[in-house]
Amino acid sequence: MKLAHFPHPYALALPFTLFLQKTSKMDEMKAISRAGFGLLKFVRAVLRYCDTYRIVKPKKERVEFLQND
């Protein structure tokens, strides 16, 4: 059987994506989907961690450098 007979993988997913609702507000996400709310909460926590790490890392490296002198 030739691969040309099979539809593109994204073509199968396209109709399902039309039903997805997009929101960045926590209350709206909680009403839409419990799993989506948990995922959004996790992603926000990771982004907050990354922002904090960007601030703390140079300071931490500076402290280590000064302690080694």
Protein backbone atom coordinates (compact mmCIF):
# COMPACT_ATOMS: atom_id res chain seq x y z
CA MET A 1 0.00 0.00 0.00
CA LYS A 2 1.35 3.41 -0.95
CA LEU A 3 1.80 6.14 1.64
CA ALA A 4 -0.01 8.57 -0.64
CA HIS A 5 -3.32 6.92 0.35
CA PHE A 6 -2.89 7.98 3.98
CA PRO A 7 -3.81 11.54 4.94
CA HIS A 8 -1.27 13.82 6.52
CA PRO A 9 -1.16 13.31 10.34
CA TYR A 10 -2.05 16.95 10.98
CA ALA A 11 -5.05 16.69 8.67
CA LEU A 12 -6.65 14.25 11.10
CA ALA A 13 -6.04 16.52 14.09
CA LEU A 14 -7.31 19.69 12.41
CA PRO A 15 -11.06 19.11 12.94
CA PHE A 16 -10.47 18.44 16.65
CA THR A 17 -8.51 21.66 17.11
CA LEU A 18 -11.47 23.69 15.90
CA PHE A 19 -13.36 22.75 19.08
CA LEU A 20 -10.60 23.84 21.45
CA GLN A 21 -11.17 27.01 23.42
CA LYS A 22 -8.24 29.32 24.09
CA THR A 23 -7.90 31.37 27.25
CA SER A 24 -5.14 32.52 29.55
CA LYS A 25 -7.35 33.38 32.53
CA MET A 26 -7.24 30.87 35.37
CA ASP A 27 -10.95 31.13 36.26
CA GLU A 28 -12.05 30.61 32.66
CA MET A 29 -9.71 27.65 32.25
CA LYS A 30 -11.00 26.08 35.45
CA ALA A 31 -14.54 26.26 34.03
CA ILE A 32 -13.48 24.85 30.66
CA SER A 33 -11.28 21.92 31.68
CA ARG A 34 -9.83 20.55 34.89
CA ALA A 35 -6.87 19.01 33.07
CA GLY A 36 -6.29 22.22 31.13
CA PHE A 37 -6.41 24.20 34.35
CA GLY A 38 -3.76 21.94 35.92
CA LEU A 39 -1.56 22.23 32.84
CA LEU A 40 -1.92 26.02 32.72
CA LYS A 41 -1.06 26.22 36.41
CA PHE A 42 2.06 24.09 35.84
CA VAL A 43 3.19 26.12 32.83
CA ARG A 44 2.78 29.38 34.73
CA ALA A 45 4.81 27.96 37.64
CA VAL A 46 7.60 26.90 35.26
CA LEU A 47 7.65 30.33 33.61
CA ARG A 48 7.79 32.03 37.02
CA TYR A 49 10.67 29.73 38.00
CA CYS A 50 12.56 30.62 34.80
CA ASP A 51 12.08 34.35 35.40
CA THR A 52 13.35 34.02 38.95
CA TYR A 53 16.28 31.84 37.88
CA ARG A 54 17.38 34.45 35.33
CA ILE A 55 17.60 37.00 38.14
CA VAL A 56 19.18 34.74 40.76
CA LYS A 57 21.76 32.91 38.61
CA PRO A 58 24.09 35.88 37.96
CA LYS A 59 23.91 36.87 41.62
CA LYS A 60 24.69 33.34 42.72
CA GLU A 61 27.66 33.15 40.34
CA ARG A 62 28.93 36.50 41.62
CA VAL A 63 28.73 35.30 45.24
CA GLU A 64 30.63 32.11 44.37
CA PHE A 65 33.27 34.13 42.54
CA LEU A 66 33.75 36.48 45.49
CA GLN A 67 33.92 33.59 47.95
CA ASN A 68 36.66 31.91 45.95
CA ASP A 69 38.87 35.01 46.11
